[in-house]
Protein backbone atom coordinates (compact mmCIF):
# COMPACT_ATOMS: atom_id res chain seq x y z
CA MET A 1 56.57 27.46 64.98
CA LYS A 2 58.12 30.70 63.82
CA SER A 3 58.05 33.51 66.30
CA ILE A 4 56.08 36.65 65.85
CA THR A 5 57.15 40.26 66.18
CA LEU A 6 55.13 42.80 68.12
CA LYS A 7 55.73 46.27 66.77
CA ARG A 8 54.47 49.06 69.00
CA ILE A 9 52.87 51.72 66.87
CA SER A 10 53.30 55.33 67.99
CA THR A 11 51.41 57.28 65.30
CA SER A 12 48.15 56.63 63.49
CA ASP A 13 49.77 57.17 60.11
CA ASP A 14 52.13 54.21 60.45
CA PRO A 15 51.89 52.09 57.24
CA LEU A 16 51.81 48.91 59.34
CA LEU A 17 48.25 49.90 60.36
CA ALA A 18 46.86 49.40 56.83
CA GLY A 19 45.31 46.02 57.64
CA VAL A 20 43.86 46.97 61.03
CA PRO A 21 40.50 48.52 60.03
CA LYS A 22 39.42 45.51 57.93
CA LEU A 23 40.49 42.98 60.56
CA TYR A 24 38.93 45.03 63.37
CA GLU A 25 35.57 45.17 61.64
CA GLU A 26 35.67 41.44 60.76
CA ALA A 27 36.85 40.24 64.19
CA PHE A 28 34.58 42.22 66.51
CA PRO A 29 30.81 42.68 66.46
CA PRO A 30 29.50 46.26 66.07
CA ILE A 31 28.48 46.42 69.72
CA ALA A 32 32.12 45.83 70.76
CA ARG A 33 33.68 48.39 68.44
CA ILE A 34 34.12 52.11 67.92
CA GLU A 35 34.67 53.59 64.48
CA SER A 36 37.95 52.32 62.95
CA GLU A 37 39.17 55.87 62.36
CA LYS A 38 38.53 56.76 65.99
CA LEU A 39 40.32 53.61 67.12
CA LEU A 40 43.46 54.59 65.22
CA GLN A 41 43.31 58.18 66.50
CA LEU A 42 43.66 56.84 70.06
CA ILE A 43 47.26 55.96 69.18
CA ASP A 44 48.13 59.65 68.74
CA LYS A 45 46.28 60.83 71.83
CA HIS A 46 47.12 58.36 74.58
CA LYS A 47 50.63 57.45 75.60
CA ASN A 48 49.39 54.84 78.07
CA LEU A 49 48.02 52.86 75.12
CA ASP A 50 50.24 50.16 73.61
CA PHE A 51 48.92 49.53 70.11
CA ASN A 52 50.88 46.60 68.73
CA VAL A 53 50.85 45.24 65.21
CA ILE A 54 51.57 41.52 65.09
CA CYS A 55 53.89 40.46 62.28
CA LYS A 56 55.11 37.06 61.16
CA ASP A 57 57.79 36.81 58.51
CA GLY A 58 57.42 40.58 58.03
CA LYS A 59 53.70 40.31 57.16
CA PHE A 60 50.81 41.86 59.07
CA CYS A 61 48.83 39.15 60.82
CA GLY A 62 47.00 40.94 63.60
CA PHE A 63 47.00 43.52 66.35
CA ALA A 64 46.84 43.80 70.14
CA MET A 65 45.64 46.84 72.02
CA ILE A 66 46.69 47.17 75.66
CA TRP A 67 46.05 50.05 78.09
CA ASN A 68 48.63 50.58 80.86
CA LEU A 69 46.59 51.64 83.88
CA ASP A 70 47.84 52.38 87.38
CA THR A 71 47.52 48.93 88.94
CA PHE A 72 46.90 46.62 85.98
CA ARG A 73 47.14 46.29 82.19
CA TYR A 74 43.88 46.04 80.29
CA PHE A 75 43.83 44.27 76.95
CA ASN A 76 41.12 45.87 74.90
CA TYR A 77 41.53 43.96 71.64
CA LEU A 78 43.49 41.01 70.32
CA ALA A 79 42.84 39.83 66.77
CA THR A 80 44.65 37.74 64.21
CA CYS A 81 43.89 37.54 60.51
CA PRO A 82 41.86 34.44 59.59
CA GLU A 83 44.71 32.87 57.63
CA TYR A 84 46.98 33.03 60.73
CA ARG A 85 44.50 31.64 63.26
CA ASN A 86 45.16 28.34 65.05
CA MET A 87 48.91 28.75 64.58
CA GLY A 88 49.77 29.74 68.14
CA LEU A 89 50.20 33.42 67.38
CA GLY A 90 47.70 34.60 70.00
CA ALA A 91 49.45 32.51 72.64
CA GLN A 92 52.81 34.01 71.64
CA VAL A 93 51.33 37.53 71.86
CA ILE A 94 49.93 36.98 75.32
CA LYS A 95 53.16 35.42 76.54
CA THR A 96 55.18 38.35 75.18
CA ILE A 97 52.83 40.97 76.62
CA ARG A 98 52.77 39.30 80.03
CA LYS A 99 56.60 39.46 80.16
CA GLN A 100 56.52 43.25 79.60
CA SER A 101 55.10 44.10 83.03
CA PRO A 102 54.59 42.48 86.44
CA LEU A 103 51.14 44.08 86.70
CA PRO A 104 48.06 41.88 86.38
CA PHE A 105 46.76 41.48 82.87
CA ILE A 106 42.95 41.90 82.68
CA GLY A 107 40.53 41.57 79.80
CA GLU A 108 36.96 40.90 78.81
CA VAL A 109 35.49 37.84 77.16
CA GLU A 110 31.96 37.00 76.10
CA PRO A 111 30.16 34.33 78.14
CA PRO A 112 30.70 30.91 76.56
CA VAL A 113 27.36 30.43 74.80
CA THR A 114 28.26 29.90 71.11
CA GLU A 115 31.02 27.64 69.92
CA ILE A 116 33.33 30.57 69.03
CA GLN A 117 32.74 32.12 72.49
CA LYS A 118 33.59 28.79 74.15
CA ARG A 119 36.78 28.59 72.07
CA ARG A 120 37.79 32.15 73.05
CA LEU A 121 37.33 31.50 76.77
CA SER A 122 39.19 28.19 76.46
CA PHE A 123 42.04 30.00 74.67
CA TYR A 124 42.45 32.52 77.52
CA LYS A 125 42.31 29.76 80.13
CA ARG A 126 45.06 27.86 78.27
CA GLN A 127 47.16 31.06 78.54
CA GLY A 128 46.81 30.97 82.31
CA LEU A 129 44.03 33.49 82.69
CA VAL A 130 41.18 32.89 85.11
CA VAL A 131 37.62 34.20 85.17
CA ILE A 132 37.49 36.82 87.91
CA SER A 133 33.86 37.85 87.38
CA GLU A 134 31.00 36.30 85.42
CA ASN A 135 28.92 39.38 86.05
CA PRO A 136 30.96 42.59 86.18
CA THR A 137 27.82 44.67 86.71
CA ILE A 138 29.50 48.10 86.65
CA LEU A 139 31.00 47.37 83.21
CA ASN A 140 27.91 45.66 81.87
CA ASN A 141 25.68 48.52 83.05
CA PHE A 142 27.98 50.97 81.26
CA HIS A 143 27.40 49.27 77.90
CA PRO A 144 23.95 47.61 78.03
CA GLY A 145 23.45 44.71 75.70
CA ASN A 146 27.13 43.70 75.72
CA ASN A 147 27.31 41.20 78.59
CA LEU A 148 30.93 40.32 79.24
CA TRP A 149 33.02 38.40 81.75
CA LEU A 150 36.35 39.58 83.18
CA VAL A 151 39.45 37.39 82.91
CA ALA A 152 42.84 38.03 84.49
CA THR A 153 46.29 36.57 85.01
CA GLU A 154 45.59 36.37 88.72
CA THR A 155 42.71 36.53 91.15
CA VAL A 156 41.98 40.09 92.27
CA ASN A 157 39.95 41.39 95.19
CA ASN A 158 39.08 44.88 93.94
CA ILE A 159 36.84 44.04 90.99
CA ASP A 160 34.64 47.13 91.44
CA PHE A 161 37.71 49.39 91.33
CA ILE A 162 39.03 47.63 88.24
CA GLN A 163 35.68 48.01 86.46
CA GLN A 164 35.55 51.72 87.26
CA GLU A 165 39.14 52.21 86.07
CA ILE A 166 38.30 50.52 82.74
CA ILE A 167 35.24 52.78 82.32
CA ASP A 168 37.03 56.02 83.31
CA LYS A 169 40.38 55.43 81.55
CA VAL A 170 39.40 53.35 78.54
CA TYR A 171 35.71 53.37 77.65
CA LYS A 172 35.02 57.05 78.26
CA ILE A 173 38.21 58.06 76.45
CA SER A 174 37.54 55.71 73.54
CA HIS A 175 34.03 57.06 73.05
CA GLU A 176 34.89 60.76 73.22
CA ASP A 177 34.24 62.86 70.16
């Protein structure tokens, strides 16, 4: 398996971002997205955001969006292009990102109802993440209709604090006009 390259993007006009809007809109349901243009503008505005383009053999094959918060890292989005799925790229990305910081790595995943949702949860578990909440009520109340679970690289005791941090430092910022 050839290794991937994660290229941290520092400006929204980087040509490596050309494939992001299409992939973003294909990979995530409308309820889980903001406008593509707004997503890319976050790169210019927030230095605690690591927006990484995933490349293999010099070709765009996905992206990973991670927020560096005070006590943990929150992965907002991870997507690979359909033609690069099931090749181990996502696993390589998570492994690489986990090596970048000793802080816990926390993300959201849909409850495993459909086959694709079951596969996503299984993927994160294979990467060593554990479900830390099947009902993060503070987060789910913030965005009604988008019921999600929290997963993390380690068990945490301060789930309410983590949820509030995600709302204050990711969701509210991402949805500003």
